[in-house]
Amino acid sequence: MSHEQFKDIELEEETTLINRIPTYYDGKEILYETWSWDGLPCESYIFLNTDFKDEYRIELEAEKKHKCGFSIGAKYTFINFTTDEDLINEVNKQNQADDITEAELSTDV
């Protein structure tokens, strides 16, 4: 299982990666990560944007039985889980700011 398309995912400075596992969801190659942010445990399911369907977010949210953070970047869709609502809100705000910057850069060409 190569999952080469996920090799350029970078970690934010305050993120500590615990585990990164290439796997599959609904037959699609994804990356599953466990990590901590400011000492709080989290997990992510990372999809290529071209493979992602919104039903995956709904299914995973139901399976985990708590809300998720959700962000779409230039190449990847991240579904992040933690039991800390404040952390989810902070990560989503940061990801939205990053997405806006990427969008602005791509329209300046």
N, C-alpha and C. Protein backbone atom coordinates (compact mmCIF):
# COMPACT_ATOMS: atom_id res chain seq x y z
N MET A 1 0.86 -1.17 0.00
CA MET A 1 0.00 0.00 0.00
C MET A 1 0.91 1.23 0.00
N SER A 2 0.96 1.96 -1.11
CA SER A 2 1.92 3.06 -1.21
C SER A 2 1.38 4.39 -0.70
N HIS A 3 0.20 4.77 -1.10
CA HIS A 3 -0.41 6.03 -0.69
C HIS A 3 0.54 7.22 -0.92
N GLU A 4 1.28 7.18 -2.01
CA GLU A 4 2.24 8.23 -2.34
C GLU A 4 1.60 9.61 -2.44
N GLN A 5 0.32 9.65 -2.81
CA GLN A 5 -0.34 10.94 -3.00
C GLN A 5 -0.49 11.72 -1.69
N PHE A 6 -0.21 11.09 -0.55
CA PHE A 6 -0.32 11.76 0.75
C PHE A 6 1.03 12.20 1.31
N LYS A 7 2.09 12.02 0.55
CA LYS A 7 3.43 12.26 1.09
C LYS A 7 3.73 13.72 1.41
N ASP A 8 2.99 14.66 0.83
CA ASP A 8 3.30 16.07 1.06
C ASP A 8 2.43 16.73 2.15
N ILE A 9 1.72 15.94 2.94
CA ILE A 9 0.94 16.50 4.04
C ILE A 9 1.89 16.95 5.14
N GLU A 10 1.77 18.22 5.50
CA GLU A 10 2.64 18.80 6.52
C GLU A 10 1.90 18.94 7.83
N LEU A 11 2.64 18.89 8.91
CA LEU A 11 2.08 19.10 10.24
C LEU A 11 2.25 20.55 10.65
N GLU A 12 1.26 21.06 11.37
CA GLU A 12 1.41 22.39 11.93
C GLU A 12 2.41 22.33 13.07
N GLU A 13 3.02 23.45 13.37
CA GLU A 13 4.09 23.52 14.35
C GLU A 13 3.69 22.95 15.71
N GLU A 14 2.49 23.23 16.18
CA GLU A 14 2.06 22.79 17.52
C GLU A 14 1.45 21.39 17.53
N THR A 15 1.50 20.68 16.39
CA THR A 15 0.93 19.34 16.29
C THR A 15 2.01 18.28 16.51
N THR A 16 1.69 17.28 17.34
CA THR A 16 2.57 16.14 17.54
C THR A 16 1.92 14.92 16.92
N LEU A 17 2.54 14.38 15.89
CA LEU A 17 2.02 13.20 15.23
C LEU A 17 2.29 11.97 16.09
N ILE A 18 1.25 11.18 16.33
CA ILE A 18 1.39 9.96 17.10
C ILE A 18 1.49 8.76 16.16
N ASN A 19 0.62 8.73 15.16
CA ASN A 19 0.60 7.61 14.24
C ASN A 19 0.03 8.06 12.90
N ARG A 20 0.57 7.54 11.82
CA ARG A 20 0.07 7.83 10.47
C ARG A 20 -0.06 6.49 9.75
N ILE A 21 -1.31 6.13 9.42
CA ILE A 21 -1.58 4.81 8.85
C ILE A 21 -2.27 4.94 7.50
N PRO A 22 -1.64 4.48 6.43
CA PRO A 22 -2.34 4.42 5.14
C PRO A 22 -3.38 3.30 5.20
N THR A 23 -4.59 3.59 4.77
CA THR A 23 -5.67 2.61 4.83
C THR A 23 -6.68 2.91 3.73
N TYR A 24 -7.84 2.30 3.80
CA TYR A 24 -8.89 2.50 2.81
C TYR A 24 -10.22 2.81 3.50
N TYR A 25 -11.04 3.61 2.83
CA TYR A 25 -12.40 3.88 3.29
C TYR A 25 -13.27 3.83 2.05
N ASP A 26 -14.25 2.95 2.06
CA ASP A 26 -15.15 2.77 0.91
C ASP A 26 -14.36 2.53 -0.38
N GLY A 27 -13.27 1.78 -0.27
CA GLY A 27 -12.44 1.46 -1.43
C GLY A 27 -11.50 2.57 -1.87
N LYS A 28 -11.51 3.70 -1.19
CA LYS A 28 -10.64 4.84 -1.53
C LYS A 28 -9.44 4.85 -0.61
N GLU A 29 -8.26 5.15 -1.19
CA GLU A 29 -7.07 5.28 -0.37
C GLU A 29 -7.20 6.53 0.48
N ILE A 30 -6.97 6.38 1.78
CA ILE A 30 -6.99 7.53 2.70
C ILE A 30 -5.80 7.41 3.65
N LEU A 31 -5.63 8.44 4.44
CA LEU A 31 -4.63 8.43 5.48
C LEU A 31 -5.34 8.63 6.81
N TYR A 32 -5.06 7.78 7.78
CA TYR A 32 -5.62 7.91 9.11
C TYR A 32 -4.49 8.35 10.04
N GLU A 33 -4.72 9.40 10.79
CA GLU A 33 -3.71 9.90 11.71
C GLU A 33 -4.26 10.03 13.13
N THR A 34 -3.41 9.74 14.09
CA THR A 34 -3.67 10.12 15.47
C THR A 34 -2.59 11.14 15.82
N TRP A 35 -2.99 12.17 16.56
CA TRP A 35 -2.09 13.26 16.85
C TRP A 35 -2.58 14.01 18.08
N SER A 36 -1.75 14.89 18.57
CA SER A 36 -2.19 15.75 19.67
C SER A 36 -1.90 17.19 19.30
N TRP A 37 -2.74 18.04 19.77
CA TRP A 37 -2.59 19.48 19.54
C TRP A 37 -2.74 20.16 20.88
N ASP A 38 -1.68 20.78 21.33
CA ASP A 38 -1.68 21.42 22.64
C ASP A 38 -2.03 20.41 23.73
N GLY A 39 -1.56 19.16 23.56
CA GLY A 39 -1.77 18.12 24.55
C GLY A 39 -3.10 17.38 24.47
N LEU A 40 -3.99 17.78 23.56
CA LEU A 40 -5.29 17.14 23.43
C LEU A 40 -5.26 16.08 22.33
N PRO A 41 -5.74 14.86 22.60
CA PRO A 41 -5.69 13.80 21.60
C PRO A 41 -6.73 14.03 20.49
N CYS A 42 -6.31 13.75 19.26
CA CYS A 42 -7.17 13.94 18.09
C CYS A 42 -6.91 12.83 17.09
N GLU A 43 -7.79 12.72 16.12
CA GLU A 43 -7.59 11.80 15.02
C GLU A 43 -8.14 12.42 13.75
N SER A 44 -7.57 12.04 12.62
CA SER A 44 -7.99 12.57 11.32
C SER A 44 -8.13 11.46 10.30
N TYR A 45 -9.12 11.64 9.45
CA TYR A 45 -9.28 10.84 8.24
C TYR A 45 -9.03 11.81 7.10
N ILE A 46 -8.04 11.52 6.27
CA ILE A 46 -7.63 12.45 5.23
C ILE A 46 -7.91 11.81 3.86
N PHE A 47 -8.71 12.50 3.07
CA PHE A 47 -9.09 12.03 1.74
C PHE A 47 -8.50 12.95 0.68
N LEU A 48 -8.23 12.42 -0.50
CA LEU A 48 -7.99 13.29 -1.65
C LEU A 48 -9.32 13.97 -1.96
N ASN A 49 -9.28 15.24 -2.32
CA ASN A 49 -10.52 15.94 -2.65
C ASN A 49 -11.30 15.23 -3.74
N THR A 50 -10.61 14.64 -4.69
CA THR A 50 -11.29 13.97 -5.81
C THR A 50 -12.01 12.71 -5.37
N ASP A 51 -11.64 12.14 -4.23
CA ASP A 51 -12.27 10.91 -3.73
C ASP A 51 -13.34 11.17 -2.67
N PHE A 52 -13.38 12.37 -2.13
CA PHE A 52 -14.24 12.64 -0.98
C PHE A 52 -15.71 12.81 -1.37
N LYS A 53 -16.58 12.26 -0.53
CA LYS A 53 -18.02 12.46 -0.63
C LYS A 53 -18.50 12.92 0.74
N ASP A 54 -19.45 13.86 0.78
CA ASP A 54 -19.92 14.38 2.06
C ASP A 54 -20.54 13.28 2.92
N GLU A 55 -21.06 12.24 2.30
CA GLU A 55 -21.64 11.14 3.10
C GLU A 55 -20.59 10.49 3.99
N TYR A 56 -19.31 10.53 3.60
CA TYR A 56 -18.25 9.96 4.44
C TYR A 56 -18.17 10.71 5.77
N ARG A 57 -18.26 12.05 5.71
CA ARG A 57 -18.22 12.85 6.93
C ARG A 57 -19.39 12.48 7.84
N ILE A 58 -20.56 12.35 7.26
CA ILE A 58 -21.76 12.02 8.03
C ILE A 58 -21.63 10.63 8.66
N GLU A 59 -21.13 9.66 7.89
CA GLU A 59 -20.96 8.29 8.41
C GLU A 59 -19.94 8.26 9.54
N LEU A 60 -18.81 8.92 9.36
CA LEU A 60 -17.77 8.91 10.39
C LEU A 60 -18.22 9.64 11.65
N GLU A 61 -18.94 10.74 11.47
CA GLU A 61 -19.45 11.48 12.62
C GLU A 61 -20.41 10.60 13.43
N ALA A 62 -21.26 9.85 12.75
CA ALA A 62 -22.21 8.96 13.43
C ALA A 62 -21.46 7.83 14.14
N GLU A 63 -20.43 7.30 13.49
CA GLU A 63 -19.65 6.20 14.07
C GLU A 63 -18.91 6.66 15.33
N LYS A 64 -18.34 7.85 15.29
CA LYS A 64 -17.56 8.37 16.42
C LYS A 64 -18.45 8.91 17.53
N LYS A 65 -19.70 9.20 17.21
CA LYS A 65 -20.69 9.69 18.17
C LYS A 65 -20.34 11.06 18.75
N HIS A 66 -19.58 11.85 18.03
CA HIS A 66 -19.39 13.24 18.38
C HIS A 66 -19.03 14.03 17.13
N LYS A 67 -19.13 15.32 17.24
CA LYS A 67 -18.94 16.17 16.06
C LYS A 67 -17.50 16.16 15.60
N CYS A 68 -17.35 16.56 14.35
CA CYS A 68 -16.02 16.58 13.77
C CYS A 68 -15.68 17.97 13.27
N GLY A 69 -14.39 18.20 13.11
CA GLY A 69 -13.92 19.36 12.38
C GLY A 69 -13.78 18.92 10.94
N PHE A 70 -14.03 19.82 10.03
CA PHE A 70 -14.06 19.46 8.62
C PHE A 70 -13.43 20.59 7.83
N SER A 71 -12.47 20.26 6.99
CA SER A 71 -11.86 21.31 6.17
C SER A 71 -11.45 20.73 4.82
N ILE A 72 -11.56 21.58 3.82
CA ILE A 72 -11.16 21.21 2.47
C ILE A 72 -10.03 22.14 2.06
N GLY A 73 -8.88 21.54 1.79
CA GLY A 73 -7.74 22.32 1.34
C GLY A 73 -7.61 22.24 -0.17
N ALA A 74 -6.46 22.64 -0.68
CA ALA A 74 -6.23 22.65 -2.12
C ALA A 74 -6.24 21.23 -2.70
N LYS A 75 -5.79 20.25 -1.92
CA LYS A 75 -5.65 18.88 -2.42
C LYS A 75 -6.36 17.85 -1.55
N TYR A 76 -6.53 18.14 -0.26
CA TYR A 76 -7.03 17.16 0.69
C TYR A 76 -8.27 17.64 1.44
N THR A 77 -9.09 16.68 1.86
CA THR A 77 -10.21 16.94 2.76
C THR A 77 -9.87 16.26 4.08
N PHE A 78 -9.95 17.02 5.16
CA PHE A 78 -9.63 16.53 6.49
C PHE A 78 -10.90 16.42 7.32
N ILE A 79 -11.11 15.27 7.94
CA ILE A 79 -12.17 15.09 8.92
C ILE A 79 -11.46 14.81 10.24
N ASN A 80 -11.56 15.76 11.17
CA ASN A 80 -10.82 15.70 12.43
C ASN A 80 -11.77 15.46 13.59
N PHE A 81 -11.39 14.55 14.47
CA PHE A 81 -12.21 14.24 15.64
C PHE A 81 -11.44 14.48 16.92
N THR A 82 -12.14 15.05 17.88
CA THR A 82 -11.68 15.17 19.25
C THR A 82 -12.92 15.43 20.09
N THR A 83 -12.83 15.23 21.35
CA THR A 83 -13.98 15.51 22.21
C THR A 83 -13.98 16.96 22.67
N ASP A 84 -12.96 17.73 22.30
CA ASP A 84 -12.84 19.12 22.72
C ASP A 84 -13.39 20.05 21.64
N GLU A 85 -14.59 20.60 21.85
CA GLU A 85 -15.25 21.46 20.87
C GLU A 85 -14.43 22.72 20.57
N ASP A 86 -13.78 23.29 21.58
CA ASP A 86 -12.99 24.49 21.37
C ASP A 86 -11.83 24.22 20.41
N LEU A 87 -11.23 23.06 20.55
CA LEU A 87 -10.13 22.68 19.68
C LEU A 87 -10.62 22.53 18.24
N ILE A 88 -11.76 21.88 18.04
CA ILE A 88 -12.31 21.74 16.69
C ILE A 88 -12.55 23.11 16.07
N ASN A 89 -13.12 24.02 16.83
CA ASN A 89 -13.39 25.36 16.31
C ASN A 89 -12.10 26.08 15.93
N GLU A 90 -11.08 25.95 16.75
CA GLU A 90 -9.80 26.60 16.48
C GLU A 90 -9.15 26.02 15.22
N VAL A 91 -9.14 24.70 15.08
CA VAL A 91 -8.55 24.06 13.90
C VAL A 91 -9.32 24.48 12.65
N ASN A 92 -10.65 24.49 12.73
CA ASN A 92 -11.45 24.90 11.57
C ASN A 92 -11.17 26.34 11.18
N LYS A 93 -11.03 27.24 12.16
CA LYS A 93 -10.71 28.63 11.85
C LYS A 93 -9.37 28.74 11.14
N GLN A 94 -8.38 28.00 11.65
CA GLN A 94 -7.05 28.04 11.05
C GLN A 94 -7.09 27.49 9.63
N ASN A 95 -7.79 26.37 9.43
CA ASN A 95 -7.88 25.78 8.10
C ASN A 95 -8.60 26.70 7.12
N GLN A 96 -9.64 27.39 7.58
CA GLN A 96 -10.35 28.32 6.71
C GLN A 96 -9.43 29.48 6.32
N ALA A 97 -8.64 29.97 7.26
CA ALA A 97 -7.70 31.04 6.95
C ALA A 97 -6.68 30.56 5.93
N ASP A 98 -6.19 29.33 6.08
CA ASP A 98 -5.24 28.77 5.12
C ASP A 98 -5.88 28.62 3.75
N ASP A 99 -7.13 28.17 3.69
CA ASP A 99 -7.83 27.99 2.42
C ASP A 99 -8.04 29.33 1.72
N ILE A 100 -8.36 30.37 2.47
CA ILE A 100 -8.55 31.69 1.87
C ILE A 100 -7.23 32.17 1.27
N THR A 101 -6.14 31.99 1.99
CA THR A 101 -4.83 32.39 1.48
C THR A 101 -4.50 31.64 0.20
N GLU A 102 -4.74 30.34 0.16
CA GLU A 102 -4.48 29.54 -1.04
C GLU A 102 -5.34 30.00 -2.19
N ALA A 103 -6.61 30.31 -1.93
CA ALA A 103 -7.51 30.77 -2.98
C ALA A 103 -7.05 32.12 -3.53
N GLU A 104 -6.63 33.02 -2.64
CA GLU A 104 -6.15 34.31 -3.08
C GLU A 104 -4.90 34.18 -3.94
N LEU A 105 -3.99 33.30 -3.54
CA LEU A 105 -2.77 33.08 -4.30
C LEU A 105 -3.08 32.51 -5.69
N SER A 106 -4.03 31.59 -5.76
CA SER A 106 -4.31 30.96 -7.04
C SER A 106 -5.04 31.90 -7.99
N THR A 107 -5.72 32.94 -7.49
CA THR A 107 -6.41 33.88 -8.38
C THR A 107 -5.52 35.03 -8.79
N ASP A 108 -4.36 35.17 -8.16
CA ASP A 108 -3.44 36.25 -8.51
C ASP A 108 -2.62 35.96 -9.75
N VAL A 109 -2.71 34.76 -10.28
CA VAL A 109 -1.88 34.35 -11.41
C VAL A 109 -2.34 35.00 -12.69
